[in-house]
Amino acid sequence: MKQSGKCPKCGSHEVIAGAKAIDRAHGPTQKDFTVATFRTPEAFIFKGEQKSPVSAWVCGSCGFVELYAQFPDRLKIPAA
């Protein structure tokens, strides 16, 4: 949808680009929705979290949603 401007589910071109994905957590707290990877996930602490905010592309016709990491390069884990 982001590349083509067309919904892969219904074929509509009514695409809402770059909508903000929100993480509400607990109570009225609001922050950016993020995705993360970890360089050393087996570690008890200091896992080496790498994260990126997420944006949403929404079909204005059927409501289908695609999520995209805004900074995908930040999520790459270096080879050992």
PDB file of N, CA and C in Angstrom:
ATOM      1  N   MET A   1       0.832  -1.181   0.000  1.00  0.00           N
ATOM      2  CA  MET A   1       0.000   0.000   0.000  1.00  0.00           C
ATOM      3  C   MET A   1       0.881   1.251   0.000  1.00  0.00           C
ATOM      4  N   LYS A   2       1.947   1.215   0.776  1.00  0.00           N
ATOM      5  CA  LYS A   2       2.836   2.368   0.855  1.00  0.00           C
ATOM      6  C   LYS A   2       3.506   2.636  -0.494  1.00  0.00           C
ATOM      7  N   GLN A   3       3.929   1.583  -1.172  1.00  0.00           N
ATOM      8  CA  GLN A   3       4.616   1.742  -2.452  1.00  0.00           C
ATOM      9  C   GLN A   3       3.647   1.990  -3.601  1.00  0.00           C
ATOM     10  N   SER A   4       2.544   1.255  -3.621  1.00  0.00           N
ATOM     11  CA  SER A   4       1.635   1.295  -4.761  1.00  0.00           C
ATOM     12  C   SER A   4       0.523   2.332  -4.638  1.00  0.00           C
ATOM     13  N   GLY A   5       0.206   2.759  -3.397  1.00  0.00           N
ATOM     14  CA  GLY A   5      -0.921   3.665  -3.201  1.00  0.00           C
ATOM     15  C   GLY A   5      -2.259   2.980  -3.414  1.00  0.00           C
ATOM     16  N   LYS A   6      -2.224   1.649  -3.377  1.00  0.00           N
ATOM     17  CA  LYS A   6      -3.426   0.847  -3.638  1.00  0.00           C
ATOM     18  C   LYS A   6      -3.571  -0.207  -2.542  1.00  0.00           C
ATOM     19  N   CYS A   7      -4.784  -0.396  -2.040  1.00  0.00           N
ATOM     20  CA  CYS A   7      -5.049  -1.398  -1.013  1.00  0.00           C
ATOM     21  C   CYS A   7      -4.905  -2.805  -1.594  1.00  0.00           C
ATOM     22  N   PRO A   8      -4.095  -3.671  -0.961  1.00  0.00           N
ATOM     23  CA  PRO A   8      -3.933  -5.031  -1.474  1.00  0.00           C
ATOM     24  C   PRO A   8      -5.152  -5.917  -1.218  1.00  0.00           C
ATOM     25  N   LYS A   9      -6.056  -5.497  -0.362  1.00  0.00           N
ATOM     26  CA  LYS A   9      -7.242  -6.304  -0.043  1.00  0.00           C
ATOM     27  C   LYS A   9      -8.425  -5.999  -0.958  1.00  0.00           C
ATOM     28  N   CYS A  10      -8.721  -4.696  -1.158  1.00  0.00           N
ATOM     29  CA  CYS A  10      -9.920  -4.354  -1.941  1.00  0.00           C
ATOM     30  C   CYS A  10      -9.622  -3.602  -3.231  1.00  0.00           C
ATOM     31  N   GLY A  11      -8.355  -3.174  -3.421  1.00  0.00           N
ATOM     32  CA  GLY A  11      -7.973  -2.484  -4.650  1.00  0.00           C
ATOM     33  C   GLY A  11      -8.245  -0.991  -4.663  1.00  0.00           C
ATOM     34  N   SER A  12      -8.768  -0.451  -3.570  1.00  0.00           N
ATOM     35  CA  SER A  12      -9.078   0.977  -3.509  1.00  0.00           C
ATOM     36  C   SER A  12      -7.806   1.825  -3.515  1.00  0.00           C
ATOM     37  N   HIS A  13      -7.920   3.033  -4.060  1.00  0.00           N
ATOM     38  CA  HIS A  13      -6.818   3.998  -4.035  1.00  0.00           C
ATOM     39  C   HIS A  13      -7.029   5.049  -2.948  1.00  0.00           C
ATOM     40  N   GLU A  14      -8.018   4.851  -2.099  1.00  0.00           N
ATOM     41  CA  GLU A  14      -8.282   5.763  -0.979  1.00  0.00           C
ATOM     42  C   GLU A  14      -7.391   5.379   0.196  1.00  0.00           C
ATOM     43  N   VAL A  15      -6.108   5.662   0.075  1.00  0.00           N
ATOM     44  CA  VAL A  15      -5.129   5.284   1.086  1.00  0.00           C
ATOM     45  C   VAL A  15      -4.805   6.487   1.966  1.00  0.00           C
ATOM     46  N   ILE A  16      -4.899   6.288   3.261  1.00  0.00           N
ATOM     47  CA  ILE A  16      -4.535   7.316   4.245  1.00  0.00           C
ATOM     48  C   ILE A  16      -3.094   7.021   4.632  1.00  0.00           C
ATOM     49  N   ALA A  17      -2.189   7.888   4.224  1.00  0.00           N
ATOM     50  CA  ALA A  17      -0.757   7.644   4.373  1.00  0.00           C
ATOM     51  C   ALA A  17      -0.205   8.177   5.686  1.00  0.00           C
ATOM     52  N   GLY A  18       0.682   7.379   6.295  1.00  0.00           N
ATOM     53  CA  GLY A  18       1.456   7.835   7.443  1.00  0.00           C
ATOM     54  C   GLY A  18       0.652   8.185   8.675  1.00  0.00           C
ATOM     55  N   ALA A  19      -0.447   7.487   8.947  1.00  0.00           N
ATOM     56  CA  ALA A  19      -1.215   7.744  10.161  1.00  0.00           C
ATOM     57  C   ALA A  19      -0.365   7.377  11.374  1.00  0.00           C
ATOM     58  N   LYS A  20      -0.548   8.099  12.455  1.00  0.00           N
ATOM     59  CA  LYS A  20       0.232   7.836  13.656  1.00  0.00           C
ATOM     60  C   LYS A  20      -0.344   6.638  14.410  1.00  0.00           C
ATOM     61  N   ALA A  21       0.497   5.664  14.691  1.00  0.00           N
ATOM     62  CA  ALA A  21       0.110   4.511  15.501  1.00  0.00           C
ATOM     63  C   ALA A  21       0.433   4.859  16.952  1.00  0.00           C
ATOM     64  N   ILE A  22      -0.545   4.705  17.827  1.00  0.00           N
ATOM     65  CA  ILE A  22      -0.403   5.148  19.221  1.00  0.00           C
ATOM     66  C   ILE A  22      -0.462   3.959  20.167  1.00  0.00           C
ATOM     67  N   ASP A  23       0.412   3.980  21.172  1.00  0.00           N
ATOM     68  CA  ASP A  23       0.395   2.994  22.251  1.00  0.00           C
ATOM     69  C   ASP A  23      -0.169   3.703  23.474  1.00  0.00           C
ATOM     70  N   ARG A  24      -1.306   3.266  23.950  1.00  0.00           N
ATOM     71  CA  ARG A  24      -1.960   3.913  25.080  1.00  0.00           C
ATOM     72  C   ARG A  24      -1.433   3.442  26.431  1.00  0.00           C
ATOM     73  N   ALA A  25      -0.748   2.325  26.495  1.00  0.00           N
ATOM     74  CA  ALA A  25      -0.198   1.788  27.747  1.00  0.00           C
ATOM     75  C   ALA A  25      -1.296   1.702  28.808  1.00  0.00           C
ATOM     76  N   HIS A  26      -1.055   2.277  29.977  1.00  0.00           N
ATOM     77  CA  HIS A  26      -2.028   2.246  31.069  1.00  0.00           C
ATOM     78  C   HIS A  26      -2.555   3.647  31.326  1.00  0.00           C
ATOM     79  N   GLY A  27      -3.861   3.764  31.547  1.00  0.00           N
ATOM     80  CA  GLY A  27      -4.465   5.057  31.838  1.00  0.00           C
ATOM     81  C   GLY A  27      -4.420   5.989  30.653  1.00  0.00           C
ATOM     82  N   PRO A  28      -4.326   7.289  30.935  1.00  0.00           N
ATOM     83  CA  PRO A  28      -4.364   8.275  29.847  1.00  0.00           C
ATOM     84  C   PRO A  28      -3.026   8.483  29.139  1.00  0.00           C
ATOM     85  N   THR A  29      -2.000   7.748  29.541  1.00  0.00           N
ATOM     86  CA  THR A  29      -0.675   7.889  28.942  1.00  0.00           C
ATOM     87  C   THR A  29      -0.717   7.519  27.465  1.00  0.00           C
ATOM     88  N   GLN A  30      -0.051   8.340  26.654  1.00  0.00           N
ATOM     89  CA  GLN A  30      -0.020   8.107  25.211  1.00  0.00           C
ATOM     90  C   GLN A  30       1.406   8.279  24.715  1.00  0.00           C
ATOM     91  N   LYS A  31       1.885   7.307  23.926  1.00  0.00           N
ATOM     92  CA  LYS A  31       3.220   7.419  23.334  1.00  0.00           C
ATOM     93  C   LYS A  31       3.213   6.749  21.967  1.00  0.00           C
ATOM     94  N   ASP A  32       4.278   6.974  21.193  1.00  0.00           N
ATOM     95  CA  ASP A  32       4.381   6.361  19.874  1.00  0.00           C
ATOM     96  C   ASP A  32       4.444   4.844  19.994  1.00  0.00           C
ATOM     97  N   PHE A  33       3.742   4.156  19.097  1.00  0.00           N
ATOM     98  CA  PHE A  33       3.816   2.703  18.999  1.00  0.00           C
ATOM     99  C   PHE A  33       5.174   2.379  18.392  1.00  0.00           C
ATOM    100  N   THR A  34       5.883   1.430  18.966  1.00  0.00           N
ATOM    101  CA  THR A  34       7.217   1.090  18.475  1.00  0.00           C
ATOM    102  C   THR A  34       7.368  -0.409  18.285  1.00  0.00           C
ATOM    103  N   VAL A  35       8.368  -0.782  17.497  1.00  0.00           N
ATOM    104  CA  VAL A  35       8.819  -2.166  17.372  1.00  0.00           C
ATOM    105  C   VAL A  35      10.279  -2.196  17.805  1.00  0.00           C
ATOM    106  N   ALA A  36      10.727  -3.362  18.293  1.00  0.00           N
ATOM    107  CA  ALA A  36      12.094  -3.448  18.799  1.00  0.00           C
ATOM    108  C   ALA A  36      12.728  -4.776  18.452  1.00  0.00           C
ATOM    109  N   THR A  37      14.055  -4.748  18.352  1.00  0.00           N
ATOM    110  CA  THR A  37      14.869  -5.956  18.268  1.00  0.00           C
ATOM    111  C   THR A  37      15.900  -5.851  19.389  1.00  0.00           C
ATOM    112  N   PHE A  38      16.551  -6.973  19.695  1.00  0.00           N
ATOM    113  CA  PHE A  38      17.525  -6.994  20.788  1.00  0.00           C
ATOM    114  C   PHE A  38      18.793  -7.678  20.319  1.00  0.00           C
ATOM    115  N   ARG A  39      19.935  -7.000  20.528  1.00  0.00           N
ATOM    116  CA  ARG A  39      21.219  -7.566  20.106  1.00  0.00           C
ATOM    117  C   ARG A  39      21.575  -8.807  20.914  1.00  0.00           C
ATOM    118  N   THR A  40      21.224  -8.824  22.205  1.00  0.00           N
ATOM    119  CA  THR A  40      21.498  -9.983  23.063  1.00  0.00           C
ATOM    120  C   THR A  40      20.236 -10.315  23.863  1.00  0.00           C
ATOM    121  N   PRO A  41      19.254 -10.947  23.221  1.00  0.00           N
ATOM    122  CA  PRO A  41      17.980 -11.215  23.883  1.00  0.00           C
ATOM    123  C   PRO A  41      18.083 -12.168  25.069  1.00  0.00           C
ATOM    124  N   GLU A  42      19.125 -12.975  25.106  1.00  0.00           N
ATOM    125  CA  GLU A  42      19.284 -13.927  26.200  1.00  0.00           C
ATOM    126  C   GLU A  42      19.822 -13.277  27.473  1.00  0.00           C
ATOM    127  N   ALA A  43      20.312 -12.052  27.400  1.00  0.00           N
ATOM    128  CA  ALA A  43      20.869 -11.366  28.567  1.00  0.00           C
ATOM    129  C   ALA A  43      19.777 -11.052  29.587  1.00  0.00           C
ATOM    130  N   PHE A  44      20.145 -11.084  30.861  1.00  0.00           N
ATOM    131  CA  PHE A  44      19.197 -10.769  31.935  1.00  0.00           C
ATOM    132  C   PHE A  44      18.861  -9.277  31.927  1.00  0.00           C
ATOM    133  N   ILE A  45      19.886  -8.450  31.772  1.00  0.00           N
ATOM    134  CA  ILE A  45      19.718  -6.999  31.606  1.00  0.00           C
ATOM    135  C   ILE A  45      20.635  -6.562  30.465  1.00  0.00           C
ATOM    136  N   PHE A  46      20.504  -5.331  30.050  1.00  0.00           N
ATOM    137  CA  PHE A  46      21.322  -4.785  28.953  1.00  0.00           C
ATOM    138  C   PHE A  46      21.218  -5.657  27.697  1.00  0.00           C
ATOM    139  N   LYS A  47      20.000  -5.827  27.230  1.00  0.00           N
ATOM    140  CA  LYS A  47      19.731  -6.665  26.070  1.00  0.00           C
ATOM    141  C   LYS A  47      20.100  -6.002  24.746  1.00  0.00           C
ATOM    142  N   GLY A  48      20.422  -4.715  24.778  1.00  0.00           N
ATOM    143  CA  GLY A  48      20.782  -4.009  23.552  1.00  0.00           C
ATOM    144  C   GLY A  48      19.569  -3.699  22.693  1.00  0.00           C
ATOM    145  N   GLU A  49      18.555  -3.132  23.317  1.00  0.00           N
ATOM    146  CA  GLU A  49      17.319  -2.827  22.587  1.00  0.00           C
ATOM    147  C   GLU A  49      17.560  -1.806  21.480  1.00  0.00           C
ATOM    148  N   GLN A  50      16.996  -2.093  20.328  1.00  0.00           N
ATOM    149  CA  GLN A  50      17.030  -1.195  19.172  1.00  0.00           C
ATOM    150  C   GLN A  50      15.580  -1.028  18.757  1.00  0.00           C
ATOM    151  N   LYS A  51      15.095   0.214  18.662  1.00  0.00           N
ATOM    152  CA  LYS A  51      13.675   0.378  18.349  1.00  0.00           C
ATOM    153  C   LYS A  51      13.429   1.469  17.323  1.00  0.00           C
ATOM    154  N   SER A  52      12.221   1.421  16.780  1.00  0.00           N
ATOM    155  CA  SER A  52      11.789   2.386  15.782  1.00  0.00           C
ATOM    156  C   SER A  52      10.301   2.663  15.973  1.00  0.00           C
ATOM    157  N   PRO A  53       9.902   3.928  15.824  1.00  0.00           N
ATOM    158  CA  PRO A  53       8.463   4.223  15.820  1.00  0.00           C
ATOM    159  C   PRO A  53       7.811   3.581  14.598  1.00  0.00           C
ATOM    160  N   VAL A  54       6.504   3.379  14.681  1.00  0.00           N
ATOM    161  CA  VAL A  54       5.744   2.741  13.619  1.00  0.00           C
ATOM    162  C   VAL A  54       4.703   3.720  13.084  1.00  0.00           C
ATOM    163  N   SER A  55       4.536   3.748  11.765  1.00  0.00           N
ATOM    164  CA  SER A  55       3.455   4.525  11.155  1.00  0.00           C
ATOM    165  C   SER A  55       2.502   3.562  10.468  1.00  0.00           C
ATOM    166  N   ALA A  56       1.269   3.994  10.282  1.00  0.00           N
ATOM    167  CA  ALA A  56       0.238   3.132   9.691  1.00  0.00           C
ATOM    168  C   ALA A  56      -0.257   3.703   8.375  1.00  0.00           C
ATOM    169  N   TRP A  57      -0.531   2.814   7.437  1.00  0.00           N
ATOM    170  CA  TRP A  57      -1.163   3.163   6.170  1.00  0.00           C
ATOM    171  C   TRP A  57      -2.506   2.455   6.176  1.00  0.00           C
ATOM    172  N   VAL A  58      -3.578   3.207   5.999  1.00  0.00           N
ATOM    173  CA  VAL A  58      -4.924   2.696   6.192  1.00  0.00           C
ATOM    174  C   VAL A  58      -5.739   2.854   4.912  1.00  0.00           C
ATOM    175  N   CYS A  59      -6.471   1.808   4.549  1.00  0.00           N
ATOM    176  CA  CYS A  59      -7.381   1.892   3.411  1.00  0.00           C
ATOM    177  C   CYS A  59      -8.639   2.624   3.861  1.00  0.00           C
ATOM    178  N   GLY A  60      -8.961   3.707   3.186  1.00  0.00           N
ATOM    179  CA  GLY A  60     -10.146   4.493   3.516  1.00  0.00           C
ATOM    180  C   GLY A  60     -11.447   3.820   3.103  1.00  0.00           C
ATOM    181  N   SER A  61     -11.364   2.741   2.329  1.00  0.00           N
ATOM    182  CA  SER A  61     -12.566   2.021   1.890  1.00  0.00           C
ATOM    183  C   SER A  61     -12.892   0.836   2.795  1.00  0.00           C
ATOM    184  N   CYS A  62     -11.924  -0.076   2.977  1.00  0.00           N
ATOM    185  CA  CYS A  62     -12.215  -1.297   3.736  1.00  0.00           C
ATOM    186  C   CYS A  62     -11.612  -1.310   5.134  1.00  0.00           C
ATOM    187  N   GLY A  63     -10.690  -0.386   5.436  1.00  0.00           N
ATOM    188  CA  GLY A  63     -10.104  -0.312   6.771  1.00  0.00           C
ATOM    189  C   GLY A  63      -8.861  -1.152   6.983  1.00  0.00           C
ATOM    190  N   PHE A  64      -8.399  -1.836   5.953  1.00  0.00           N
ATOM    191  CA  PHE A  64      -7.176  -2.637   6.081  1.00  0.00           C
ATOM    192  C   PHE A  64      -6.023  -1.730   6.499  1.00  0.00           C
ATOM    193  N   VAL A  65      -5.144  -2.232   7.393  1.00  0.00           N
ATOM    194  CA  VAL A  65      -4.031  -1.439   7.916  1.00  0.00           C
ATOM    195  C   VAL A  65      -2.714  -2.166   7.688  1.00  0.00           C
ATOM    196  N   GLU A  66      -1.700  -1.425   7.224  1.00  0.00           N
ATOM    197  CA  GLU A  66      -0.323  -1.919   7.148  1.00  0.00           C
ATOM    198  C   GLU A  66       0.518  -1.044   8.055  1.00  0.00           C
ATOM    199  N   LEU A  67       1.417  -1.669   8.819  1.00  0.00           N
ATOM    200  CA  LEU A  67       2.313  -0.937   9.714  1.00  0.00           C
ATOM    201  C   LEU A  67       3.726  -0.961   9.143  1.00  0.00           C
ATOM    202  N   TYR A  68       4.421   0.167   9.261  1.00  0.00           N
ATOM    203  CA  TYR A  68       5.791   0.277   8.759  1.00  0.00           C
ATOM    204  C   TYR A  68       6.687   0.895   9.818  1.00  0.00           C
ATOM    205  N   ALA A  69       7.866   0.301  10.042  1.00  0.00           N
ATOM    206  CA  ALA A  69       8.874   0.895  10.902  1.00  0.00           C
ATOM    207  C   ALA A  69       9.407   2.133  10.192  1.00  0.00           C
ATOM    208  N   GLN A  70       9.444   3.252  10.895  1.00  0.00           N
ATOM    209  CA  GLN A  70       9.927   4.491  10.279  1.00  0.00           C
ATOM    210  C   GLN A  70      11.433   4.442  10.021  1.00  0.00           C
ATOM    211  N   PHE A  71      12.165   3.717  10.860  1.00  0.00           N
ATOM    212  CA  PHE A  71      13.619   3.610  10.716  1.00  0.00           C
ATOM    213  C   PHE A  71      14.040   2.142  10.738  1.00  0.00           C
ATOM    214  N   PRO A  72      13.778   1.397   9.656  1.00  0.00           N
ATOM    215  CA  PRO A  72      14.088  -0.038   9.665  1.00  0.00           C
ATOM    216  C   PRO A  72      15.571  -0.345   9.858  1.00  0.00           C
ATOM    217  N   ASP A  73      16.459   0.549   9.454  1.00  0.00           N
ATOM    218  CA  ASP A  73      17.895   0.306   9.633  1.00  0.00           C
ATOM    219  C   ASP A  73      18.273   0.221  11.103  1.00  0.00           C
ATOM    220  N   ARG A  74      17.527   0.892  11.970  1.00  0.00           N
ATOM    221  CA  ARG A  74      17.801   0.844  13.411  1.00  0.00           C
ATOM    222  C   ARG A  74      17.525  -0.541  13.997  1.00  0.00           C
ATOM    223  N   LEU A  75      16.731  -1.354  13.332  1.00  0.00           N
ATOM    224  CA  LEU A  75      16.322  -2.646  13.853  1.00  0.00           C
ATOM    225  C   LEU A  75      17.256  -3.782  13.467  1.00  0.00           C
ATOM    226  N   LYS A  76      18.172  -3.513  12.552  1.00  0.00           N
ATOM    227  CA  LYS A  76      19.091  -4.569  12.097  1.00  0.00           C
ATOM    228  C   LYS A  76      20.047  -4.970  13.212  1.00  0.00           C
ATOM    229  N   ILE A  77      20.260  -6.276  13.323  1.00  0.00           N
ATOM    230  CA  ILE A  77      21.167  -6.797  14.332  1.00  0.00           C
ATOM    231  C   ILE A  77      22.496  -7.105  13.647  1.00  0.00           C
ATOM    232  N   PRO A  78      23.590  -6.512  14.141  1.00  0.00           N
ATOM    233  CA  PRO A  78      24.890  -6.751  13.511  1.00  0.00           C
ATOM    234  C   PRO A  78      25.259  -8.236  13.554  1.00  0.00           C
ATOM    235  N   ALA A  79      25.912  -8.707  12.509  1.00  0.00           N
ATOM    236  CA  ALA A  79      26.372 -10.103  12.460  1.00  0.00           C
ATOM    237  C   ALA A  79      27.455 -10.320  13.515  1.00  0.00           C
ATOM    238  N   ALA A  80      27.438 -11.482  14.112  1.00  0.00           N
ATOM    239  CA  ALA A  80      28.419 -11.785  15.175  1.00  0.00           C
ATOM    240  C   ALA A  80      29.782 -12.067  14.628  1.00  0.00           C
TER     241      ALA A  80
END
